[in-house]
Amino acid sequence: MIFAIRIRCAYGRRCRDDGLPSIVSDLQPARHGTSPSDRRTRLPLQPRAGINNAGHSEGTKLVSIGVHLSRRSRWRRTRIHAPLSYHGAWRIVWLIFFLFIVWLILRALQPVILLFALVFLVAMVLNPIVVWLHKHRVPRFASVILLMLALIALTTTIIVFAIPPLTSQMQELLRSAPKLAQGLQTRIESLTRSYPAVREALPATDEIASKVAAAAATIGNILLRSTLGLVGGVASFVFAVLLLVFVLISPRPLVAAYLALAPVRYREQAHRTLARLMRQMIAWARGVAINGIITGLSIGVLLWLIGVQPALIFGVFGFLGEFLPTVGAFLVSIPILLVALSMGATKFWLALGVIVLVYQVELNVLVPGVLGKEMRLHPVNILFFTLATAELFGLLGVFLAVPAAALVQIVIDEFYLQPRKLDYAQLDSEAAALVEGKK
């Protein structure tokens, strides 16, 4: 059914004979101080006398508006609040089934996915160096080859000069694990004799010592096997180098394919997601390189000076801890303090002072200067992705914890939070009220 209404054109102009668009143009903001609401109040909806359906009088026009517009709006409102239909339920079931199949495929291809993820991460970090060399009139192919030669030389130097002493110190730590456990047990017994409340809160000293020794042996064996596996995996290393070379030489088709896979309406969000991820990963890699070297050297040298051994292993732990911002400092401190405690209370307090000094300098000096405001990841998110990537990919998966956390945070922000235009100040005040127990 169609209703016919007559609408007077604004300012006395003659309406165009093009139907509904003339209404839209007439409802634009007024040029003579008249608001759209004022004009709408002057639009008579009743037909005037003397006007037939075939022509126009001055300042009037016959416009046909279908009732299907209102019906469509009512259908949309009803659909929003409609219960789940049979077809919608089957779509959800098929989606869950599809995700399950994808998960099975990913589980079957864990080594391949880990290798490609690490290579893409390294390529994302090294691409600015290649771009810088290319801007200084070095061809991109030659830039990639020079960079790969430098990386191979650095890796060879580390393997030749660092792996042997690390392996010997690790073996020495494993051999001295029973002695360290006995010393730790003695210190705990002394503490419980002085403070009976601590004795009731802690389990038996034999249980603590056995668990610490078992954990230390397990961690040491894992690290040793991983190190030997990395050194012995020549074929995987060569394949990773070749893949990295191909990605760095011609990254444009890969980026174009990524943008092409995104729907047109999400193309801008996909572009911003990749750009933000690249900036954060470059900042993260810069922080790992600079902060890790300074922190690792500081911890190793200071622990060597106070006599807490193996200082070289603990220095390497300090470097690796930079792959996990905020959380890495706590993970690194645990083995250092346990070994220092087994050597005596004095060593424990000196080691604790070293850890506090080094990480306070890093937190207040190095992190603001190197990382800036690029990395804004909550420690809870880092811990979750650390455990998740370690469970999925093993020890090497820990290196993907921060990139995975950053990627998930960026995707949620770009595709879900920003389009909603949330009032973060109000959300923060509501969160504060909930935390403080206010209504």
Protein backbone atom coordinates (compact mmCIF):
# COMPACT_ATOMS: atom_id res chain seq x y z
CA MET A 1 0.00 0.00 0.00
CA ILE A 2 1.35 3.47 -0.96
CA PHE A 3 0.43 6.77 0.77
CA ALA A 4 0.73 10.02 -1.14
CA ILE A 5 1.64 13.15 0.82
CA ARG A 6 2.35 16.69 -0.30
CA ILE A 7 5.44 18.45 1.05
CA ARG A 8 6.19 22.14 0.64
CA CYS A 9 9.73 22.87 -0.52
CA ALA A 10 11.81 25.13 1.69
CA TYR A 11 12.43 28.80 0.82
CA GLY A 12 9.70 28.73 -1.84
CA ARG A 13 11.92 27.02 -4.39
CA ARG A 14 10.42 24.79 -7.01
CA CYS A 15 11.06 21.16 -6.10
CA ARG A 16 12.90 18.89 -8.48
CA ASP A 17 10.88 16.17 -10.10
CA ASP A 18 13.17 13.40 -8.89
CA GLY A 19 11.20 11.92 -5.99
CA LEU A 20 12.59 11.26 -2.56
CA PRO A 21 16.09 12.80 -3.01
CA SER A 22 14.51 16.28 -3.12
CA ILE A 23 13.28 15.74 0.44
CA VAL A 24 16.78 14.83 1.57
CA SER A 25 18.25 17.92 -0.09
CA ASP A 26 15.59 20.14 1.42
CA LEU A 27 16.29 18.82 4.89
CA GLN A 28 19.94 19.99 4.83
CA PRO A 29 20.98 22.70 7.32
CA ALA A 30 19.34 26.02 6.51
CA ARG A 31 21.23 28.83 4.79
CA HIS A 32 18.98 31.60 6.13
CA GLY A 33 19.07 30.76 9.86
CA THR A 34 16.31 28.16 9.71
CA SER A 35 17.04 24.83 11.32
CA PRO A 36 15.86 21.53 9.78
CA SER A 37 13.47 21.09 12.68
CA ASP A 38 11.83 24.46 11.91
CA ARG A 39 11.42 23.52 8.28
CA ARG A 40 9.90 20.19 9.17
CA THR A 41 7.33 21.93 11.35
CA ARG A 42 6.23 24.01 8.36
CA LEU A 43 5.79 21.06 6.04
CA PRO A 44 2.05 20.41 5.68
CA LEU A 45 1.22 16.80 5.28
CA GLN A 46 -2.34 17.31 4.03
CA PRO A 47 -3.03 17.79 0.33
CA ARG A 48 -4.16 21.24 -0.73
CA ALA A 49 -7.28 22.00 -2.65
CA GLY A 50 -6.96 22.53 -6.31
CA ILE A 51 -4.01 20.28 -6.73
CA ASN A 52 -4.43 17.29 -8.95
CA ASN A 53 -2.24 14.22 -9.08
CA ALA A 54 -0.77 15.11 -12.45
CA GLY A 55 0.89 18.47 -11.78
CA HIS A 56 2.59 20.71 -9.28
CA SER A 57 1.56 24.00 -7.75
CA GLU A 58 4.07 26.62 -6.60
CA GLY A 59 6.25 25.30 -3.76
CA THR A 60 4.62 21.86 -3.60
CA LYS A 61 5.43 18.44 -4.90
CA LEU A 62 3.82 15.00 -4.86
CA VAL A 63 6.17 12.42 -3.31
CA SER A 64 5.41 8.71 -2.97
CA ILE A 65 6.83 6.98 0.05
CA GLY A 66 6.40 3.23 0.44
CA VAL A 67 5.16 1.69 3.60
CA HIS A 68 7.83 -0.99 3.14
CA LEU A 69 10.37 1.46 4.62
CA SER A 70 8.60 1.46 7.96
CA ARG A 71 7.98 -2.27 7.71
CA ARG A 72 11.69 -2.81 7.08
CA SER A 73 12.68 -0.78 10.12
CA ARG A 74 10.20 -2.72 12.27
CA TRP A 75 11.62 -5.98 10.89
CA ARG A 76 15.14 -4.93 11.86
CA ARG A 77 14.06 -4.04 15.40
CA THR A 78 12.24 -7.35 15.72
CA ARG A 79 15.23 -9.29 14.39
CA ILE A 80 17.54 -7.82 17.01
CA HIS A 81 15.39 -9.18 19.85
CA ALA A 82 14.31 -12.38 18.09
CA PRO A 83 15.26 -15.73 19.67
CA LEU A 84 17.89 -17.97 18.11
CA SER A 85 16.48 -19.68 15.05
CA TYR A 86 17.14 -23.20 13.79
CA HIS A 87 19.23 -21.86 10.91
CA GLY A 88 21.25 -19.63 13.26
CA ALA A 89 21.92 -22.54 15.61
CA TRP A 90 23.24 -24.65 12.73
CA ARG A 91 25.53 -21.81 11.67
CA ILE A 92 26.99 -21.72 15.18
CA VAL A 93 27.47 -25.49 15.17
CA TRP A 94 29.25 -25.39 11.81
CA LEU A 95 31.45 -22.53 13.01
CA ILE A 96 32.47 -24.51 16.09
CA PHE A 97 33.16 -27.56 13.93
CA PHE A 98 35.26 -25.48 11.53
CA LEU A 99 37.30 -24.00 14.39
CA PHE A 100 37.86 -27.49 15.79
CA ILE A 101 39.16 -28.72 12.43
CA VAL A 102 41.47 -25.70 12.18
CA TRP A 103 42.72 -26.41 15.69
CA LEU A 104 43.51 -30.03 14.76
CA ILE A 105 45.39 -28.88 11.67
CA LEU A 106 47.38 -26.35 13.70
CA ARG A 107 48.24 -29.00 16.28
CA ALA A 108 49.48 -31.31 13.53
CA LEU A 109 51.59 -28.54 11.97
CA GLN A 110 53.09 -27.15 15.18
CA PRO A 111 56.76 -27.25 14.08
CA VAL A 112 55.97 -25.66 10.72
CA ILE A 113 53.83 -22.92 12.26
CA LEU A 114 56.50 -22.20 14.88
CA LEU A 115 59.21 -21.93 12.23
CA PHE A 116 57.20 -19.62 9.99
CA ALA A 117 56.04 -17.49 12.93
CA LEU A 118 59.62 -16.99 14.14
CA VAL A 119 60.85 -16.21 10.63
CA PHE A 120 58.08 -13.66 10.01
CA LEU A 121 58.79 -12.08 13.39
CA VAL A 122 62.52 -11.77 12.60
CA ALA A 123 61.72 -10.42 9.12
CA MET A 124 59.41 -7.81 10.63
CA VAL A 125 62.22 -6.69 12.94
CA LEU A 126 64.98 -6.71 10.30
CA ASN A 127 62.99 -5.02 7.54
CA PRO A 128 63.78 -1.45 8.78
CA ILE A 129 67.52 -2.22 8.45
CA VAL A 130 67.02 -3.41 4.88
CA VAL A 131 64.94 -0.31 4.10
CA TRP A 132 67.66 1.92 5.58
CA LEU A 133 70.35 0.29 3.45
CA HIS A 134 68.13 0.54 0.38
CA LYS A 135 67.65 4.27 0.97
CA HIS A 136 71.45 4.63 0.98
CA ARG A 137 71.62 3.25 -2.57
CA VAL A 138 72.29 -0.36 -1.68
CA PRO A 139 70.08 -2.71 -3.72
CA ARG A 140 67.57 -4.61 -1.67
CA PHE A 141 68.96 -7.99 -2.67
CA ALA A 142 72.49 -6.94 -1.69
CA SER A 143 71.17 -5.45 1.57
CA VAL A 144 69.51 -8.74 2.51
CA ILE A 145 72.64 -10.75 1.65
CA LEU A 146 74.88 -8.44 3.73
CA LEU A 147 72.46 -8.62 6.64
CA MET A 148 72.30 -12.43 6.47
CA LEU A 149 76.10 -12.68 6.42
CA ALA A 150 76.27 -10.46 9.51
CA LEU A 151 73.68 -12.58 11.31
CA ILE A 152 75.44 -15.83 10.39
CA ALA A 153 78.75 -14.43 11.63
CA LEU A 154 77.13 -13.34 14.90
CA THR A 155 75.45 -16.72 15.38
CA THR A 156 78.69 -18.58 14.65
CA THR A 157 80.56 -16.43 17.16
CA ILE A 158 77.98 -17.13 19.86
CA ILE A 159 78.07 -20.88 19.16
CA VAL A 160 81.87 -21.08 19.21
CA PHE A 161 82.60 -18.85 22.18
CA ALA A 162 79.45 -18.87 24.34
CA ILE A 163 77.92 -22.34 24.04
CA PRO A 164 80.87 -24.35 25.48
CA PRO A 165 81.17 -22.34 28.74
CA LEU A 166 77.40 -22.25 29.08
CA THR A 167 77.20 -26.00 28.66
CA SER A 168 79.97 -26.61 31.21
CA GLN A 169 78.37 -24.29 33.76
CA MET A 170 75.00 -25.93 33.23
CA GLN A 171 76.49 -29.35 33.80
CA GLU A 172 78.25 -28.07 36.90
CA LEU A 173 74.95 -26.64 38.16
CA LEU A 174 73.25 -29.99 37.63
CA ARG A 175 76.01 -31.84 39.46
CA SER A 176 75.86 -29.42 42.39
CA ALA A 177 72.04 -29.57 42.58
CA PRO A 178 72.02 -32.03 45.55
CA LYS A 179 74.47 -29.83 47.45
CA LEU A 180 72.39 -26.73 46.72
CA ALA A 181 69.26 -28.55 47.83
CA GLN A 182 70.96 -29.58 51.08
CA GLY A 183 72.06 -26.01 51.73
CA LEU A 184 68.58 -24.75 50.98
CA GLN A 185 67.10 -27.31 53.37
CA THR A 186 69.50 -26.19 56.11
CA ARG A 187 68.54 -22.54 55.68
CA ILE A 188 64.84 -23.33 55.77
CA GLU A 189 65.24 -25.39 58.93
CA SER A 190 67.15 -22.54 60.57
CA LEU A 191 64.39 -20.13 59.57
CA THR A 192 61.63 -22.36 60.91
CA ARG A 193 63.44 -22.79 64.25
CA SER A 194 63.61 -19.03 64.66
CA TYR A 195 60.02 -18.45 63.49
CA PRO A 196 57.60 -21.27 64.45
CA ALA A 197 54.78 -19.67 62.50
CA VAL A 198 56.76 -20.14 59.32
CA ARG A 199 57.23 -23.83 60.15
CA GLU A 200 53.47 -24.34 60.31
CA ALA A 201 52.86 -22.47 57.05
CA LEU A 202 55.54 -24.26 55.02
CA PRO A 203 55.57 -27.96 54.11
CA ALA A 204 58.32 -30.25 55.32
CA THR A 205 61.87 -29.17 54.44
CA ASP A 206 62.61 -32.52 52.80
CA GLU A 207 59.65 -32.04 50.49
CA ILE A 208 60.71 -28.49 49.62
CA ALA A 209 64.29 -29.52 48.92
CA SER A 210 63.28 -32.50 46.79
CA LYS A 211 60.87 -30.39 44.74
CA VAL A 212 63.43 -27.64 44.20
CA ALA A 213 66.09 -30.13 43.17
CA ALA A 214 63.72 -31.92 40.80
CA ALA A 215 62.58 -28.65 39.26
CA ALA A 216 66.16 -27.44 38.83
CA ALA A 217 67.19 -30.70 37.21
CA THR A 218 64.18 -30.66 34.90
CA ILE A 219 64.76 -27.06 33.83
CA GLY A 220 68.46 -27.69 33.32
CA ASN A 221 67.83 -30.76 31.19
CA ILE A 222 65.27 -28.92 29.09
CA LEU A 223 67.62 -26.01 28.52
CA LEU A 224 70.52 -28.31 27.72
CA ARG A 225 68.49 -30.41 25.28
CA SER A 226 67.07 -27.29 23.66
CA THR A 227 70.54 -25.78 23.28
CA LEU A 228 71.98 -28.95 21.78
CA GLY A 229 68.92 -29.32 19.59
CA LEU A 230 69.30 -25.79 18.28
CA VAL A 231 72.97 -26.32 17.57
CA GLY A 232 72.35 -29.67 15.89
CA GLY A 233 69.37 -28.60 13.82
CA VAL A 234 71.43 -27.60 10.80
CA ALA A 235 68.75 -28.44 8.26
CA SER A 236 66.09 -26.39 10.05
CA PHE A 237 68.51 -23.52 10.46
CA VAL A 238 69.39 -23.49 6.75
CA PHE A 239 65.72 -23.65 5.79
CA ALA A 240 64.89 -20.79 8.17
CA VAL A 241 67.69 -18.65 6.70
CA LEU A 242 66.47 -19.28 3.15
CA LEU A 243 62.90 -18.48 4.12
CA LEU A 244 64.03 -15.30 5.85
CA VAL A 245 65.98 -14.26 2.74
CA PHE A 246 62.97 -14.78 0.47
CA VAL A 247 60.66 -12.86 2.80
CA LEU A 248 63.05 -9.91 3.13
CA ILE A 249 63.85 -9.72 -0.59
CA SER A 250 60.22 -9.62 -1.72
CA PRO A 251 57.81 -8.75 1.10
CA ARG A 252 55.34 -6.74 -1.00
CA PRO A 253 53.40 -9.72 -2.45
CA LEU A 254 52.92 -11.15 1.04
CA VAL A 255 51.64 -7.84 2.43
CA ALA A 256 49.41 -7.32 -0.62
CA ALA A 257 47.96 -10.81 -0.21
CA TYR A 258 47.27 -10.09 3.47
CA LEU A 259 45.42 -6.88 2.57
CA ALA A 260 43.56 -8.61 -0.26
CA LEU A 261 42.24 -11.28 2.10
CA ALA A 262 40.63 -8.63 4.29
CA PRO A 263 37.10 -7.56 3.22
CA VAL A 264 36.88 -4.11 1.68
CA ARG A 265 35.06 -2.62 4.65
CA TYR A 266 37.81 -3.89 6.99
CA ARG A 267 40.75 -2.99 4.75
CA GLU A 268 41.66 0.11 6.74
CA GLN A 269 41.58 -1.78 10.07
CA ALA A 270 43.75 -4.54 8.58
CA HIS A 271 46.26 -1.94 7.38
CA ARG A 272 46.43 -0.26 10.79
CA THR A 273 46.73 -3.63 12.53
CA LEU A 274 49.81 -4.61 10.56
CA ALA A 275 51.35 -1.14 10.93
CA ARG A 276 50.85 -1.12 14.70
CA LEU A 277 52.16 -4.66 15.06
CA MET A 278 55.31 -3.77 13.12
CA ARG A 279 55.96 -0.70 15.29
CA GLN A 280 55.47 -2.65 18.51
CA MET A 281 57.62 -5.57 17.41
CA ILE A 282 60.45 -3.24 16.36
CA ALA A 283 60.27 -1.50 19.73
CA TRP A 284 60.15 -4.85 21.52
CA ALA A 285 63.16 -6.20 19.60
CA ARG A 286 65.07 -2.99 20.28
CA GLY A 287 64.27 -3.33 23.97
CA VAL A 288 65.36 -6.97 24.02
CA ALA A 289 68.65 -6.16 22.30
CA ILE A 290 69.61 -3.08 24.33
CA ASN A 291 68.01 -3.80 27.69
CA GLY A 292 68.86 -7.49 27.49
CA ILE A 293 72.56 -6.93 26.89
CA ILE A 294 72.84 -4.30 29.63
CA THR A 295 70.76 -6.28 32.12
CA GLY A 296 72.45 -9.61 31.38
CA LEU A 297 75.95 -8.17 31.70
CA SER A 298 75.05 -6.29 34.89
CA ILE A 299 73.53 -9.36 36.57
CA GLY A 300 76.38 -11.65 35.49
CA VAL A 301 79.17 -9.30 36.57
CA LEU A 302 77.60 -8.31 39.90
CA LEU A 303 76.76 -11.90 40.83
CA TRP A 304 80.32 -12.92 39.95
CA LEU A 305 81.65 -10.15 42.21
CA ILE A 306 79.58 -11.30 45.21
CA GLY A 307 80.43 -14.96 44.57
CA VAL A 308 77.08 -16.36 43.42
CA GLN A 309 77.78 -18.97 40.76
CA PRO A 310 77.14 -19.83 37.96
CA ALA A 311 77.14 -16.12 37.14
CA LEU A 312 77.35 -16.66 33.36
CA ILE A 313 74.19 -18.77 33.33
CA PHE A 314 72.35 -16.19 35.40
CA GLY A 315 73.52 -13.43 33.06
CA VAL A 316 72.06 -15.37 30.12
CA PHE A 317 68.84 -15.78 32.11
CA GLY A 318 68.78 -12.00 32.59
CA PHE A 319 69.09 -11.50 28.83
CA LEU A 320 66.39 -14.04 28.01
CA GLY A 321 64.09 -12.52 30.63
CA GLU A 322 63.82 -9.38 28.48
CA PHE A 323 61.70 -11.32 26.00
CA LEU A 324 58.93 -11.14 28.61
CA PRO A 325 58.53 -7.52 29.80
CA THR A 326 57.79 -7.09 33.52
CA VAL A 327 57.26 -10.82 34.03
CA GLY A 328 60.78 -11.85 33.00
CA ALA A 329 62.36 -10.07 35.96
CA PHE A 330 60.42 -12.22 38.44
CA LEU A 331 61.13 -15.44 36.55
CA VAL A 332 64.85 -14.66 36.43
CA SER A 333 65.02 -13.76 40.13
CA ILE A 334 63.68 -17.11 41.41
CA PRO A 335 66.64 -19.39 40.50
CA ILE A 336 69.17 -16.71 41.45
CA LEU A 337 67.69 -16.23 44.91
CA LEU A 338 67.32 -19.97 45.52
CA VAL A 339 70.97 -20.62 44.68
CA ALA A 340 72.08 -17.62 46.76
CA LEU A 341 69.95 -18.78 49.70
CA SER A 342 71.62 -22.20 49.61
CA MET A 343 74.98 -20.41 50.01
CA GLY A 344 73.94 -18.46 53.08
CA ALA A 345 71.86 -15.53 54.26
CA THR A 346 74.54 -13.00 53.34
CA LYS A 347 74.68 -14.22 49.74
CA PHE A 348 70.90 -14.14 49.60
CA TRP A 349 70.63 -10.51 50.67
CA LEU A 350 73.48 -9.47 48.37
CA ALA A 351 71.85 -11.24 45.42
CA LEU A 352 68.50 -9.63 46.26
CA GLY A 353 70.20 -6.23 46.34
CA VAL A 354 71.77 -6.90 42.92
CA ILE A 355 68.41 -7.86 41.41
CA VAL A 356 66.61 -4.85 42.87
CA LEU A 357 69.35 -2.47 41.72
CA VAL A 358 69.58 -3.81 38.18
CA TYR A 359 65.85 -3.95 37.51
CA GLN A 360 65.14 -0.57 39.12
CA VAL A 361 67.69 1.00 36.77
CA GLU A 362 66.10 -0.83 33.85
CA LEU A 363 62.55 0.14 34.83
CA ASN A 364 63.27 3.83 35.44
CA VAL A 365 66.01 4.51 32.89
CA LEU A 366 66.20 1.91 30.12
CA VAL A 367 62.53 1.08 29.53
CA PRO A 368 61.31 4.72 29.13
CA GLY A 369 64.23 5.55 26.85
CA VAL A 370 64.17 2.41 24.69
CA LEU A 371 60.60 1.13 24.64
CA GLY A 372 58.78 4.41 25.23
CA LYS A 373 55.00 3.98 25.09
CA GLU A 374 54.86 1.39 22.31
CA MET A 375 54.45 -1.68 24.49
CA ARG A 376 51.42 -1.46 26.77
CA LEU A 377 50.81 -5.05 27.76
CA HIS A 378 49.43 -6.03 31.13
CA PRO A 379 51.53 -8.62 33.02
CA VAL A 380 48.48 -10.89 33.25
CA ASN A 381 48.23 -10.97 29.44
CA ILE A 382 51.95 -11.71 29.12
CA LEU A 383 51.71 -14.57 31.63
CA PHE A 384 48.70 -16.09 29.87
CA PHE A 385 50.33 -16.02 26.43
CA THR A 386 53.62 -17.25 27.88
CA LEU A 387 51.92 -20.36 29.25
CA ALA A 388 49.78 -20.77 26.12
CA THR A 389 52.65 -20.52 23.63
CA ALA A 390 54.86 -22.75 25.79
CA GLU A 391 52.09 -25.36 25.91
CA LEU A 392 51.52 -25.17 22.15
CA PHE A 393 55.08 -24.89 20.83
CA GLY A 394 57.40 -25.81 23.69
CA LEU A 395 60.30 -23.75 24.97
CA LEU A 396 60.79 -21.81 21.73
CA GLY A 397 57.13 -20.80 21.81
CA VAL A 398 57.91 -18.51 24.76
CA PHE A 399 59.60 -16.15 22.30
CA LEU A 400 56.19 -15.72 20.61
CA ALA A 401 54.37 -14.77 23.82
CA VAL A 402 54.77 -10.99 23.50
CA PRO A 403 54.07 -10.89 19.72
CA ALA A 404 50.95 -13.03 20.21
CA ALA A 405 49.72 -10.86 23.09
CA ALA A 406 50.36 -7.68 21.10
CA LEU A 407 48.61 -9.06 18.00
CA VAL A 408 45.49 -10.12 19.92
CA GLN A 409 45.32 -6.77 21.72
CA ILE A 410 45.68 -4.80 18.47
CA VAL A 411 43.06 -6.88 16.63
CA ILE A 412 40.52 -6.46 19.43
CA ASP A 413 41.21 -2.73 19.59
CA GLU A 414 41.00 -2.10 15.83
CA PHE A 415 38.05 -4.33 14.93
CA TYR A 416 35.92 -4.15 18.07
CA LEU A 417 36.76 -1.36 20.52
CA GLN A 418 37.54 1.60 18.26
CA PRO A 419 34.37 1.29 16.12
CA ARG A 420 32.28 1.45 19.32
CA LYS A 421 33.90 4.79 20.36
CA LEU A 422 33.97 3.93 24.04
CA ASP A 423 34.31 6.49 26.80
CA TYR A 424 37.41 5.12 28.53
CA ALA A 425 37.29 7.72 31.30
CA GLN A 426 33.82 6.53 32.30
CA LEU A 427 34.88 2.88 32.05
CA ASP A 428 37.89 3.58 34.25
CA SER A 429 35.73 5.29 36.87
CA GLU A 430 33.27 2.37 36.84
CA ALA A 431 36.14 -0.10 37.19
CA ALA A 432 37.55 1.89 40.11
CA ALA A 433 34.14 1.89 41.80
CA LEU A 434 33.85 -1.89 41.40
CA VAL A 435 37.36 -2.49 42.73
CA GLU A 436 36.79 -0.24 45.72
CA GLY A 437 33.44 -1.87 46.49
CA LYS A 438 31.32 1.16 45.67
CA LYS A 439 27.88 0.88 44.16
